[in-house]
Amino acid sequence: MLIKHHKYLLVIILFTAAILRFYNINSYPSLNPDEAALGYNAYSLLKTGKDEHGASWPLHFKSFGDYKPGGYVYLAIPFVKVLGLTPLAVRLPNLILSILTIYFLYKFVFLLFRAN
């Protein structure tokens, strides 16, 4: 019986996760310096093709004395282009990826325990 209803359970879990993640995404918590730097680098790449330090399309972004991987900056570029340089544009890739992670983890666990 649980096998028939697992799709409904998955939809409920994903819907709940989306609501909990999307609630007040623009304002709570406020944008921290790392998020702001990632968003600004995405904006800078979009406008000039260079990061905040003048490097062209780097793999790692220098920020606050350390280096951050560039994957998230490149994922944020389309959102910054469409939504502008806003907290929503910076946080939306994380929201989407976190919901996809829940989906794939659910599918993995279901396949793992269905095999037995």
PDB file of N, CA and C in Angstrom:
ATOM      1  N   MET A   1       0.822  -1.191   0.000  1.00  0.00           N
ATOM      2  CA  MET A   1       0.000   0.000   0.000  1.00  0.00           C
ATOM      3  C   MET A   1       0.869   1.259   0.000  1.00  0.00           C
ATOM      4  N   LEU A   2       1.973   1.219   0.727  1.00  0.00           N
ATOM      5  CA  LEU A   2       2.866   2.374   0.762  1.00  0.00           C
ATOM      6  C   LEU A   2       3.481   2.628  -0.607  1.00  0.00           C
ATOM      7  N   ILE A   3       3.734   1.569  -1.364  1.00  0.00           N
ATOM      8  CA  ILE A   3       4.339   1.729  -2.683  1.00  0.00           C
ATOM      9  C   ILE A   3       3.400   2.499  -3.607  1.00  0.00           C
ATOM     10  N   LYS A   4       2.095   2.282  -3.518  1.00  0.00           N
ATOM     11  CA  LYS A   4       1.143   3.001  -4.364  1.00  0.00           C
ATOM     12  C   LYS A   4       1.076   4.481  -4.012  1.00  0.00           C
ATOM     13  N   HIS A   5       1.269   4.793  -2.762  1.00  0.00           N
ATOM     14  CA  HIS A   5       1.090   6.168  -2.306  1.00  0.00           C
ATOM     15  C   HIS A   5       2.401   6.943  -2.170  1.00  0.00           C
ATOM     16  N   HIS A   6       3.509   6.336  -2.571  1.00  0.00           N
ATOM     17  CA  HIS A   6       4.783   7.024  -2.395  1.00  0.00           C
ATOM     18  C   HIS A   6       4.883   8.272  -3.267  1.00  0.00           C
ATOM     19  N   LYS A   7       4.211   8.295  -4.410  1.00  0.00           N
ATOM     20  CA  LYS A   7       4.262   9.486  -5.266  1.00  0.00           C
ATOM     21  C   LYS A   7       3.537  10.656  -4.606  1.00  0.00           C
ATOM     22  N   TYR A   8       2.435  10.386  -3.939  1.00  0.00           N
ATOM     23  CA  TYR A   8       1.718  11.442  -3.231  1.00  0.00           C
ATOM     24  C   TYR A   8       2.549  11.958  -2.061  1.00  0.00           C
ATOM     25  N   LEU A   9       3.205  11.049  -1.367  1.00  0.00           N
ATOM     26  CA  LEU A   9       4.058  11.430  -0.254  1.00  0.00           C
ATOM     27  C   LEU A   9       5.217  12.303  -0.743  1.00  0.00           C
ATOM     28  N   LEU A  10       5.788  11.939  -1.881  1.00  0.00           N
ATOM     29  CA  LEU A  10       6.874  12.733  -2.451  1.00  0.00           C
ATOM     30  C   LEU A  10       6.401  14.139  -2.808  1.00  0.00           C
ATOM     31  N   VAL A  11       5.235  14.270  -3.388  1.00  0.00           N
ATOM     32  CA  VAL A  11       4.690  15.583  -3.741  1.00  0.00           C
ATOM     33  C   VAL A  11       4.460  16.420  -2.479  1.00  0.00           C
ATOM     34  N   ILE A  12       3.936  15.813  -1.437  1.00  0.00           N
ATOM     35  CA  ILE A  12       3.701  16.526  -0.181  1.00  0.00           C
ATOM     36  C   ILE A  12       5.019  16.989   0.427  1.00  0.00           C
ATOM     37  N   ILE A  13       6.026  16.126   0.417  1.00  0.00           N
ATOM     38  CA  ILE A  13       7.338  16.486   0.968  1.00  0.00           C
ATOM     39  C   ILE A  13       7.959  17.626   0.176  1.00  0.00           C
ATOM     40  N   LEU A  14       7.924  17.529  -1.149  1.00  0.00           N
ATOM     41  CA  LEU A  14       8.515  18.579  -1.987  1.00  0.00           C
ATOM     42  C   LEU A  14       7.769  19.905  -1.848  1.00  0.00           C
ATOM     43  N   PHE A  15       6.456  19.848  -1.778  1.00  0.00           N
ATOM     44  CA  PHE A  15       5.659  21.057  -1.606  1.00  0.00           C
ATOM     45  C   PHE A  15       5.956  21.722  -0.268  1.00  0.00           C
ATOM     46  N   THR A  16       6.033  20.922   0.787  1.00  0.00           N
ATOM     47  CA  THR A  16       6.353  21.453   2.110  1.00  0.00           C
ATOM     48  C   THR A  16       7.757  22.055   2.134  1.00  0.00           C
ATOM     49  N   ALA A  17       8.714  21.366   1.519  1.00  0.00           N
ATOM     50  CA  ALA A  17      10.084  21.874   1.463  1.00  0.00           C
ATOM     51  C   ALA A  17      10.151  23.188   0.696  1.00  0.00           C
ATOM     52  N   ALA A  18       9.420  23.280  -0.401  1.00  0.00           N
ATOM     53  CA  ALA A  18       9.430  24.515  -1.202  1.00  0.00           C
ATOM     54  C   ALA A  18       8.833  25.678  -0.416  1.00  0.00           C
ATOM     55  N   ILE A  19       7.743  25.430   0.277  1.00  0.00           N
ATOM     56  CA  ILE A  19       7.118  26.500   1.066  1.00  0.00           C
ATOM     57  C   ILE A  19       8.036  26.958   2.194  1.00  0.00           C
ATOM     58  N   LEU A  20       8.628  26.001   2.902  1.00  0.00           N
ATOM     59  CA  LEU A  20       9.516  26.366   4.014  1.00  0.00           C
ATOM     60  C   LEU A  20      10.750  27.116   3.534  1.00  0.00           C
ATOM     61  N   ARG A  21      11.251  26.775   2.362  1.00  0.00           N
ATOM     62  CA  ARG A  21      12.439  27.446   1.847  1.00  0.00           C
ATOM     63  C   ARG A  21      12.105  28.800   1.218  1.00  0.00           C
ATOM     64  N   PHE A  22      10.948  28.917   0.607  1.00  0.00           N
ATOM     65  CA  PHE A  22      10.600  30.135  -0.116  1.00  0.00           C
ATOM     66  C   PHE A  22      10.035  31.228   0.785  1.00  0.00           C
ATOM     67  N   TYR A  23       9.538  30.849   1.954  1.00  0.00           N
ATOM     68  CA  TYR A  23       8.926  31.817   2.854  1.00  0.00           C
ATOM     69  C   TYR A  23       9.952  32.870   3.272  1.00  0.00           C
ATOM     70  N   ASN A  24       9.675  34.139   3.002  1.00  0.00           N
ATOM     71  CA  ASN A  24      10.535  35.274   3.350  1.00  0.00           C
ATOM     72  C   ASN A  24      11.958  35.148   2.820  1.00  0.00           C
ATOM     73  N   ILE A  25      12.123  34.582   1.657  1.00  0.00           N
ATOM     74  CA  ILE A  25      13.467  34.374   1.108  1.00  0.00           C
ATOM     75  C   ILE A  25      14.182  35.697   0.848  1.00  0.00           C
ATOM     76  N   ASN A  26      13.438  36.756   0.583  1.00  0.00           N
ATOM     77  CA  ASN A  26      14.058  38.050   0.303  1.00  0.00           C
ATOM     78  C   ASN A  26      14.587  38.754   1.544  1.00  0.00           C
ATOM     79  N   SER A  27      13.975  38.489   2.693  1.00  0.00           N
ATOM     80  CA  SER A  27      14.310  39.316   3.844  1.00  0.00           C
ATOM     81  C   SER A  27      14.837  38.564   5.067  1.00  0.00           C
ATOM     82  N   TYR A  28      14.535  37.303   5.194  1.00  0.00           N
ATOM     83  CA  TYR A  28      14.932  36.609   6.418  1.00  0.00           C
ATOM     84  C   TYR A  28      15.711  35.364   6.095  1.00  0.00           C
ATOM     85  N   PRO A  29      16.889  35.171   6.566  1.00  0.00           N
ATOM     86  CA  PRO A  29      17.724  36.166   7.223  1.00  0.00           C
ATOM     87  C   PRO A  29      18.259  37.161   6.209  1.00  0.00           C
ATOM     88  N   SER A  30      18.807  38.243   6.701  1.00  0.00           N
ATOM     89  CA  SER A  30      19.338  39.241   5.773  1.00  0.00           C
ATOM     90  C   SER A  30      20.535  38.651   5.026  1.00  0.00           C
ATOM     91  N   LEU A  31      20.811  39.233   3.885  1.00  0.00           N
ATOM     92  CA  LEU A  31      21.900  38.751   3.042  1.00  0.00           C
ATOM     93  C   LEU A  31      23.222  38.876   3.796  1.00  0.00           C
ATOM     94  N   ASN A  32      23.969  37.774   3.896  1.00  0.00           N
ATOM     95  CA  ASN A  32      25.265  37.849   4.572  1.00  0.00           C
ATOM     96  C   ASN A  32      26.347  38.270   3.567  1.00  0.00           C
ATOM     97  N   PRO A  33      27.524  38.652   4.039  1.00  0.00           N
ATOM     98  CA  PRO A  33      28.561  39.144   3.122  1.00  0.00           C
ATOM     99  C   PRO A  33      28.974  38.140   2.040  1.00  0.00           C
ATOM    100  N   ASP A  34      29.000  36.860   2.369  1.00  0.00           N
ATOM    101  CA  ASP A  34      29.367  35.861   1.356  1.00  0.00           C
ATOM    102  C   ASP A  34      28.330  35.803   0.231  1.00  0.00           C
ATOM    103  N   GLU A  35      27.051  35.808   0.600  1.00  0.00           N
ATOM    104  CA  GLU A  35      26.004  35.813  -0.419  1.00  0.00           C
ATOM    105  C   GLU A  35      26.062  37.069  -1.271  1.00  0.00           C
ATOM    106  N   ALA A  36      26.300  38.199  -0.623  1.00  0.00           N
ATOM    107  CA  ALA A  36      26.390  39.460  -1.357  1.00  0.00           C
ATOM    108  C   ALA A  36      27.557  39.434  -2.336  1.00  0.00           C
ATOM    109  N   ALA A  37      28.699  38.886  -1.911  1.00  0.00           N
ATOM    110  CA  ALA A  37      29.862  38.805  -2.793  1.00  0.00           C
ATOM    111  C   ALA A  37      29.586  37.884  -3.978  1.00  0.00           C
ATOM    112  N   LEU A  38      28.918  36.746  -3.723  1.00  0.00           N
ATOM    113  CA  LEU A  38      28.587  35.835  -4.822  1.00  0.00           C
ATOM    114  C   LEU A  38      27.645  36.504  -5.814  1.00  0.00           C
ATOM    115  N   GLY A  39      26.643  37.205  -5.299  1.00  0.00           N
ATOM    116  CA  GLY A  39      25.707  37.905  -6.171  1.00  0.00           C
ATOM    117  C   GLY A  39      26.372  39.012  -6.966  1.00  0.00           C
ATOM    118  N   TYR A  40      27.244  39.772  -6.301  1.00  0.00           N
ATOM    119  CA  TYR A  40      27.925  40.859  -7.005  1.00  0.00           C
ATOM    120  C   TYR A  40      28.864  40.319  -8.077  1.00  0.00           C
ATOM    121  N   ASN A  41      29.549  39.223  -7.792  1.00  0.00           N
ATOM    122  CA  ASN A  41      30.416  38.623  -8.807  1.00  0.00           C
ATOM    123  C   ASN A  41      29.611  38.124  -9.994  1.00  0.00           C
ATOM    124  N   ALA A  42      28.438  37.554  -9.739  1.00  0.00           N
ATOM    125  CA  ALA A  42      27.576  37.127 -10.845  1.00  0.00           C
ATOM    126  C   ALA A  42      27.149  38.332 -11.677  1.00  0.00           C
ATOM    127  N   TYR A  43      26.789  39.417 -11.014  1.00  0.00           N
ATOM    128  CA  TYR A  43      26.394  40.644 -11.700  1.00  0.00           C
ATOM    129  C   TYR A  43      27.563  41.222 -12.507  1.00  0.00           C
ATOM    130  N   SER A  44      28.732  41.232 -11.896  1.00  0.00           N
ATOM    131  CA  SER A  44      29.913  41.767 -12.564  1.00  0.00           C
ATOM    132  C   SER A  44      30.283  40.935 -13.796  1.00  0.00           C
ATOM    133  N   LEU A  45      30.216  39.614 -13.676  1.00  0.00           N
ATOM    134  CA  LEU A  45      30.479  38.755 -14.838  1.00  0.00           C
ATOM    135  C   LEU A  45      29.455  38.989 -15.940  1.00  0.00           C
ATOM    136  N   LEU A  46      28.234  39.183 -15.546  1.00  0.00           N
ATOM    137  CA  LEU A  46      27.166  39.425 -16.517  1.00  0.00           C
ATOM    138  C   LEU A  46      27.398  40.723 -17.283  1.00  0.00           C
ATOM    139  N   LYS A  47      27.826  41.755 -16.584  1.00  0.00           N
ATOM    140  CA  LYS A  47      27.992  43.072 -17.209  1.00  0.00           C
ATOM    141  C   LYS A  47      29.341  43.257 -17.893  1.00  0.00           C
ATOM    142  N   THR A  48      30.429  42.730 -17.292  1.00  0.00           N
ATOM    143  CA  THR A  48      31.765  43.029 -17.809  1.00  0.00           C
ATOM    144  C   THR A  48      32.571  41.814 -18.243  1.00  0.00           C
ATOM    145  N   GLY A  49      32.159  40.620 -17.808  1.00  0.00           N
ATOM    146  CA  GLY A  49      32.956  39.423 -18.092  1.00  0.00           C
ATOM    147  C   GLY A  49      34.128  39.261 -17.137  1.00  0.00           C
ATOM    148  N   LYS A  50      34.155  40.076 -16.091  1.00  0.00           N
ATOM    149  CA  LYS A  50      35.228  40.016 -15.096  1.00  0.00           C
ATOM    150  C   LYS A  50      34.624  40.028 -13.703  1.00  0.00           C
ATOM    151  N   ASP A  51      35.370  39.449 -12.743  1.00  0.00           N
ATOM    152  CA  ASP A  51      34.884  39.466 -11.369  1.00  0.00           C
ATOM    153  C   ASP A  51      35.221  40.798 -10.705  1.00  0.00           C
ATOM    154  N   GLU A  52      34.961  40.906  -9.418  1.00  0.00           N
ATOM    155  CA  GLU A  52      35.177  42.172  -8.714  1.00  0.00           C
ATOM    156  C   GLU A  52      36.643  42.582  -8.635  1.00  0.00           C
ATOM    157  N   HIS A  53      37.557  41.649  -8.863  1.00  0.00           N
ATOM    158  CA  HIS A  53      38.984  41.958  -8.837  1.00  0.00           C
ATOM    159  C   HIS A  53      39.581  42.077 -10.239  1.00  0.00           C
ATOM    160  N   GLY A  54      38.760  42.003 -11.267  1.00  0.00           N
ATOM    161  CA  GLY A  54      39.226  42.189 -12.630  1.00  0.00           C
ATOM    162  C   GLY A  54      39.675  40.939 -13.347  1.00  0.00           C
ATOM    163  N   ALA A  55      39.494  39.761 -12.759  1.00  0.00           N
ATOM    164  CA  ALA A  55      39.876  38.501 -13.411  1.00  0.00           C
ATOM    165  C   ALA A  55      38.768  38.077 -14.374  1.00  0.00           C
ATOM    166  N   SER A  56      39.133  37.676 -15.571  1.00  0.00           N
ATOM    167  CA  SER A  56      38.153  37.257 -16.571  1.00  0.00           C
ATOM    168  C   SER A  56      37.715  35.817 -16.346  1.00  0.00           C
ATOM    169  N   TRP A  57      36.437  35.619 -16.118  1.00  0.00           N
ATOM    170  CA  TRP A  57      35.791  34.312 -15.982  1.00  0.00           C
ATOM    171  C   TRP A  57      36.617  33.331 -15.148  1.00  0.00           C
ATOM    172  N   PRO A  58      36.903  33.664 -13.885  1.00  0.00           N
ATOM    173  CA  PRO A  58      37.736  32.782 -13.051  1.00  0.00           C
ATOM    174  C   PRO A  58      36.996  31.528 -12.607  1.00  0.00           C
ATOM    175  N   LEU A  59      37.761  30.521 -12.199  1.00  0.00           N
ATOM    176  CA  LEU A  59      37.171  29.310 -11.628  1.00  0.00           C
ATOM    177  C   LEU A  59      36.928  29.460 -10.132  1.00  0.00           C
ATOM    178  N   HIS A  60      37.766  30.247  -9.485  1.00  0.00           N
ATOM    179  CA  HIS A  60      37.621  30.541  -8.055  1.00  0.00           C
ATOM    180  C   HIS A  60      37.586  32.050  -7.881  1.00  0.00           C
ATOM    181  N   PHE A  61      36.753  32.496  -6.962  1.00  0.00           N
ATOM    182  CA  PHE A  61      36.554  33.928  -6.754  1.00  0.00           C
ATOM    183  C   PHE A  61      37.161  34.352  -5.427  1.00  0.00           C
ATOM    184  N   LYS A  62      38.068  35.322  -5.484  1.00  0.00           N
ATOM    185  CA  LYS A  62      38.675  35.856  -4.279  1.00  0.00           C
ATOM    186  C   LYS A  62      37.661  36.755  -3.578  1.00  0.00           C
ATOM    187  N   SER A  63      37.501  36.506  -2.279  1.00  0.00           N
ATOM    188  CA  SER A  63      36.534  37.284  -1.534  1.00  0.00           C
ATOM    189  C   SER A  63      36.837  37.179  -0.049  1.00  0.00           C
ATOM    190  N   PHE A  64      37.003  38.318   0.611  1.00  0.00           N
ATOM    191  CA  PHE A  64      37.225  38.368   2.055  1.00  0.00           C
ATOM    192  C   PHE A  64      38.428  37.540   2.491  1.00  0.00           C
ATOM    193  N   GLY A  65      39.486  37.553   1.701  1.00  0.00           N
ATOM    194  CA  GLY A  65      40.715  36.870   2.082  1.00  0.00           C
ATOM    195  C   GLY A  65      40.738  35.386   1.800  1.00  0.00           C
ATOM    196  N   ASP A  66      39.723  34.840   1.194  1.00  0.00           N
ATOM    197  CA  ASP A  66      39.738  33.428   0.813  1.00  0.00           C
ATOM    198  C   ASP A  66      39.207  33.293  -0.609  1.00  0.00           C
ATOM    199  N   TYR A  67      39.155  32.083  -1.090  1.00  0.00           N
ATOM    200  CA  TYR A  67      38.680  31.825  -2.446  1.00  0.00           C
ATOM    201  C   TYR A  67      37.445  30.936  -2.390  1.00  0.00           C
ATOM    202  N   LYS A  68      36.443  31.322  -3.140  1.00  0.00           N
ATOM    203  CA  LYS A  68      35.186  30.555  -3.187  1.00  0.00           C
ATOM    204  C   LYS A  68      35.072  29.882  -4.544  1.00  0.00           C
ATOM    205  N   PRO A  69      34.552  28.647  -4.569  1.00  0.00           N
ATOM    206  CA  PRO A  69      34.359  27.970  -5.859  1.00  0.00           C
ATOM    207  C   PRO A  69      33.402  28.752  -6.750  1.00  0.00           C
ATOM    208  N   GLY A  70      33.632  28.704  -8.042  1.00  0.00           N
ATOM    209  CA  GLY A  70      32.866  29.525  -8.972  1.00  0.00           C
ATOM    210  C   GLY A  70      31.542  28.962  -9.423  1.00  0.00           C
ATOM    211  N   GLY A  71      31.266  27.708  -9.136  1.00  0.00           N
ATOM    212  CA  GLY A  71      30.044  27.079  -9.638  1.00  0.00           C
ATOM    213  C   GLY A  71      28.784  27.831  -9.274  1.00  0.00           C
ATOM    214  N   TYR A  72      28.684  28.258  -8.030  1.00  0.00           N
ATOM    215  CA  TYR A  72      27.467  28.948  -7.597  1.00  0.00           C
ATOM    216  C   TYR A  72      27.335  30.304  -8.266  1.00  0.00           C
ATOM    217  N   VAL A  73      28.443  30.986  -8.472  1.00  0.00           N
ATOM    218  CA  VAL A  73      28.398  32.290  -9.144  1.00  0.00           C
ATOM    219  C   VAL A  73      27.864  32.108 -10.559  1.00  0.00           C
ATOM    220  N   TYR A  74      28.351  31.092 -11.253  1.00  0.00           N
ATOM    221  CA  TYR A  74      27.895  30.860 -12.623  1.00  0.00           C
ATOM    222  C   TYR A  74      26.438  30.401 -12.668  1.00  0.00           C
ATOM    223  N   LEU A  75      25.995  29.664 -11.639  1.00  0.00           N
ATOM    224  CA  LEU A  75      24.578  29.282 -11.567  1.00  0.00           C
ATOM    225  C   LEU A  75      23.684  30.491 -11.315  1.00  0.00           C
ATOM    226  N   ALA A  76      24.191  31.473 -10.609  1.00  0.00           N
ATOM    227  CA  ALA A  76      23.392  32.648 -10.260  1.00  0.00           C
ATOM    228  C   ALA A  76      23.260  33.647 -11.405  1.00  0.00           C
ATOM    229  N   ILE A  77      24.125  33.585 -12.397  1.00  0.00           N
ATOM    230  CA  ILE A  77      24.114  34.571 -13.479  1.00  0.00           C
ATOM    231  C   ILE A  77      22.747  34.671 -14.175  1.00  0.00           C
ATOM    232  N   PRO A  78      22.112  33.560 -14.601  1.00  0.00           N
ATOM    233  CA  PRO A  78      20.805  33.719 -15.260  1.00  0.00           C
ATOM    234  C   PRO A  78      19.742  34.338 -14.359  1.00  0.00           C
ATOM    235  N   PHE A  79      19.779  34.022 -13.072  1.00  0.00           N
ATOM    236  CA  PHE A  79      18.799  34.565 -12.141  1.00  0.00           C
ATOM    237  C   PHE A  79      19.033  36.061 -11.921  1.00  0.00           C
ATOM    238  N   VAL A  80      20.296  36.467 -11.850  1.00  0.00           N
ATOM    239  CA  VAL A  80      20.616  37.882 -11.703  1.00  0.00           C
ATOM    240  C   VAL A  80      20.215  38.640 -12.960  1.00  0.00           C
ATOM    241  N   LYS A  81      20.385  38.011 -14.118  1.00  0.00           N
ATOM    242  CA  LYS A  81      19.994  38.661 -15.370  1.00  0.00           C
ATOM    243  C   LYS A  81      18.484  38.896 -15.416  1.00  0.00           C
ATOM    244  N   VAL A  82      17.710  37.920 -15.003  1.00  0.00           N
ATOM    245  CA  VAL A  82      16.250  38.019 -15.078  1.00  0.00           C
ATOM    246  C   VAL A  82      15.674  38.847 -13.931  1.00  0.00           C
ATOM    247  N   LEU A  83      16.149  38.622 -12.713  1.00  0.00           N
ATOM    248  CA  LEU A  83      15.549  39.246 -11.525  1.00  0.00           C
ATOM    249  C   LEU A  83      16.307  40.469 -11.021  1.00  0.00           C
ATOM    250  N   GLY A  84      17.466  40.744 -11.596  1.00  0.00           N
ATOM    251  CA  GLY A  84      18.272  41.846 -11.106  1.00  0.00           C
ATOM    252  C   GLY A  84      19.102  41.402  -9.913  1.00  0.00           C
ATOM    253  N   LEU A  85      19.885  42.300  -9.392  1.00  0.00           N
ATOM    254  CA  LEU A  85      20.761  41.993  -8.262  1.00  0.00           C
ATOM    255  C   LEU A  85      19.963  42.110  -6.961  1.00  0.00           C
ATOM    256  N   THR A  86      19.214  41.062  -6.656  1.00  0.00           N
ATOM    257  CA  THR A  86      18.349  41.030  -5.477  1.00  0.00           C
ATOM    258  C   THR A  86      18.667  39.795  -4.636  1.00  0.00           C
ATOM    259  N   PRO A  87      18.264  39.784  -3.368  1.00  0.00           N
ATOM    260  CA  PRO A  87      18.461  38.577  -2.559  1.00  0.00           C
ATOM    261  C   PRO A  87      17.774  37.351  -3.166  1.00  0.00           C
ATOM    262  N   LEU A  88      16.616  37.543  -3.781  1.00  0.00           N
ATOM    263  CA  LEU A  88      15.926  36.423  -4.417  1.00  0.00           C
ATOM    264  C   LEU A  88      16.768  35.823  -5.533  1.00  0.00           C
ATOM    265  N   ALA A  89      17.367  36.659  -6.363  1.00  0.00           N
ATOM    266  CA  ALA A  89      18.187  36.170  -7.469  1.00  0.00           C
ATOM    267  C   ALA A  89      19.411  35.415  -6.971  1.00  0.00           C
ATOM    268  N   VAL A  90      19.968  35.859  -5.861  1.00  0.00           N
ATOM    269  CA  VAL A  90      21.156  35.201  -5.317  1.00  0.00           C
ATOM    270  C   VAL A  90      20.793  33.886  -4.642  1.00  0.00           C
ATOM    271  N   ARG A  91      19.640  33.815  -3.994  1.00  0.00           N
ATOM    272  CA  ARG A  91      19.265  32.632  -3.222  1.00  0.00           C
ATOM    273  C   ARG A  91      18.459  31.604  -4.009  1.00  0.00           C
ATOM    274  N   LEU A  92      17.888  31.976  -5.125  1.00  0.00           N
ATOM    275  CA  LEU A  92      17.032  31.059  -5.880  1.00  0.00           C
ATOM    276  C   LEU A  92      17.758  29.804  -6.388  1.00  0.00           C
ATOM    277  N   PRO A  93      19.006  29.893  -6.871  1.00  0.00           N
ATOM    278  CA  PRO A  93      19.681  28.645  -7.270  1.00  0.00           C
ATOM    279  C   PRO A  93      19.823  27.669  -6.107  1.00  0.00           C
ATOM    280  N   ASN A  94      20.109  28.185  -4.916  1.00  0.00           N
ATOM    281  CA  ASN A  94      20.218  27.326  -3.742  1.00  0.00           C
ATOM    282  C   ASN A  94      18.878  26.678  -3.405  1.00  0.00           C
ATOM    283  N   LEU A  95      17.806  27.443  -3.507  1.00  0.00           N
ATOM    284  CA  LEU A  95      16.471  26.909  -3.238  1.00  0.00           C
ATOM    285  C   LEU A  95      16.136  25.773  -4.211  1.00  0.00           C
ATOM    286  N   ILE A  96      16.382  25.990  -5.480  1.00  0.00           N
ATOM    287  CA  ILE A  96      16.079  24.968  -6.497  1.00  0.00           C
ATOM    288  C   ILE A  96      16.926  23.718  -6.282  1.00  0.00           C
ATOM    289  N   LEU A  97      18.213  23.913  -6.054  1.00  0.00           N
ATOM    290  CA  LEU A  97      19.092  22.757  -5.854  1.00  0.00           C
ATOM    291  C   LEU A  97      18.747  21.994  -4.581  1.00  0.00           C
ATOM    292  N   SER A  98      18.319  22.680  -3.538  1.00  0.00           N
ATOM    293  CA  SER A  98      17.965  21.971  -2.307  1.00  0.00           C
ATOM    294  C   SER A  98      16.700  21.133  -2.487  1.00  0.00           C
ATOM    295  N   ILE A  99      15.749  21.624  -3.260  1.00  0.00           N
ATOM    296  CA  ILE A  99      14.538  20.838  -3.514  1.00  0.00           C
ATOM    297  C   ILE A  99      14.858  19.651  -4.422  1.00  0.00           C
ATOM    298  N   LEU A 100      15.709  19.852  -5.403  1.00  0.00           N
ATOM    299  CA  LEU A 100      16.137  18.730  -6.258  1.00  0.00           C
ATOM    300  C   LEU A 100      16.906  17.683  -5.455  1.00  0.00           C
ATOM    301  N   THR A 101      17.679  18.122  -4.477  1.00  0.00           N
ATOM    302  CA  THR A 101      18.398  17.183  -3.623  1.00  0.00           C
ATOM    303  C   THR A 101      17.425  16.317  -2.836  1.00  0.00           C
ATOM    304  N   ILE A 102      16.374  16.911  -2.318  1.00  0.00           N
ATOM    305  CA  ILE A 102      15.360  16.137  -1.602  1.00  0.00           C
ATOM    306  C   ILE A 102      14.720  15.116  -2.537  1.00  0.00           C
ATOM    307  N   TYR A 103      14.398  15.539  -3.751  1.00  0.00           N
ATOM    308  CA  TYR A 103      13.782  14.640  -4.731  1.00  0.00           C
ATOM    309  C   TYR A 103      14.692  13.440  -5.032  1.00  0.00           C
ATOM    310  N   PHE A 104      15.954  13.718  -5.340  1.00  0.00           N
ATOM    311  CA  PHE A 104      16.862  12.627  -5.693  1.00  0.00           C
ATOM    312  C   PHE A 104      17.189  11.735  -4.502  1.00  0.00           C
ATOM    313  N   LEU A 105      17.271  12.296  -3.318  1.00  0.00           N
ATOM    314  CA  LEU A 105      17.494  11.488  -2.130  1.00  0.00           C
ATOM    315  C   LEU A 105      16.296  10.585  -1.853  1.00  0.00           C
ATOM    316  N   TYR A 106      15.097  11.104  -2.019  1.00  0.00           N
ATOM    317  CA  TYR A 106      13.886  10.304  -1.845  1.00  0.00           C
ATOM    318  C   TYR A 106      13.873   9.141  -2.840  1.00  0.00           C
ATOM    319  N   LYS A 107      14.170   9.432  -4.099  1.00  0.00           N
ATOM    320  CA  LYS A 107      14.194   8.387  -5.123  1.00  0.00           C
ATOM    321  C   LYS A 107      15.266   7.351  -4.825  1.00  0.00           C
ATOM    322  N   PHE A 108      16.435   7.792  -4.381  1.00  0.00           N
ATOM    323  CA  PHE A 108      17.523   6.878  -4.052  1.00  0.00           C
ATOM    324  C   PHE A 108      17.135   5.946  -2.911  1.00  0.00           C
ATOM    325  N   VAL A 109      16.574   6.498  -1.846  1.00  0.00           N
ATOM    326  CA  VAL A 109      16.166   5.675  -0.704  1.00  0.00           C
ATOM    327  C   VAL A 109      15.048   4.722  -1.108  1.00  0.00           C
ATOM    328  N   PHE A 110      14.105   5.196  -1.910  1.00  0.00           N
ATOM    329  CA  PHE A 110      13.020   4.321  -2.355  1.00  0.00           C
ATOM    330  C   PHE A 110      13.572   3.155  -3.175  1.00  0.00           C
ATOM    331  N   LEU A 111      14.479   3.425  -4.092  1.00  0.00           N
ATOM    332  CA  LEU A 111      15.080   2.344  -4.890  1.00  0.00           C
ATOM    333  C   LEU A 111      15.934   1.418  -4.042  1.00  0.00           C
ATOM    334  N   LEU A 112      16.624   1.959  -3.076  1.00  0.00           N
ATOM    335  CA  LEU A 112      17.470   1.160  -2.213  1.00  0.00           C
ATOM    336  C   LEU A 112      16.671   0.154  -1.397  1.00  0.00           C
ATOM    337  N   PHE A 113      15.564   0.598  -0.819  1.00  0.00           N
ATOM    338  CA  PHE A 113      14.782  -0.290   0.026  1.00  0.00           C
ATOM    339  C   PHE A 113      13.756  -1.113  -0.751  1.00  0.00           C
ATOM    340  N   ARG A 114      13.435  -0.721  -1.957  1.00  0.00           N
ATOM    341  CA  ARG A 114      12.533  -1.518  -2.788  1.00  0.00           C
ATOM    342  C   ARG A 114      13.227  -2.757  -3.306  1.00  0.00           C
ATOM    343  N   ALA A 115      14.543  -2.705  -3.450  1.00  0.00           N
ATOM    344  CA  ALA A 115      15.305  -3.844  -3.998  1.00  0.00           C
ATOM    345  C   ALA A 115      15.323  -5.028  -3.036  1.00  0.00           C
ATOM    346  N   ASN A 116      15.121  -4.777  -1.748  1.00  0.00           N
ATOM    347  CA  ASN A 116      15.158  -5.880  -0.773  1.00  0.00           C
ATOM    348  C   ASN A 116      13.860  -6.590  -0.654  1.00  0.00           C
TER     349      ASN A 116
END
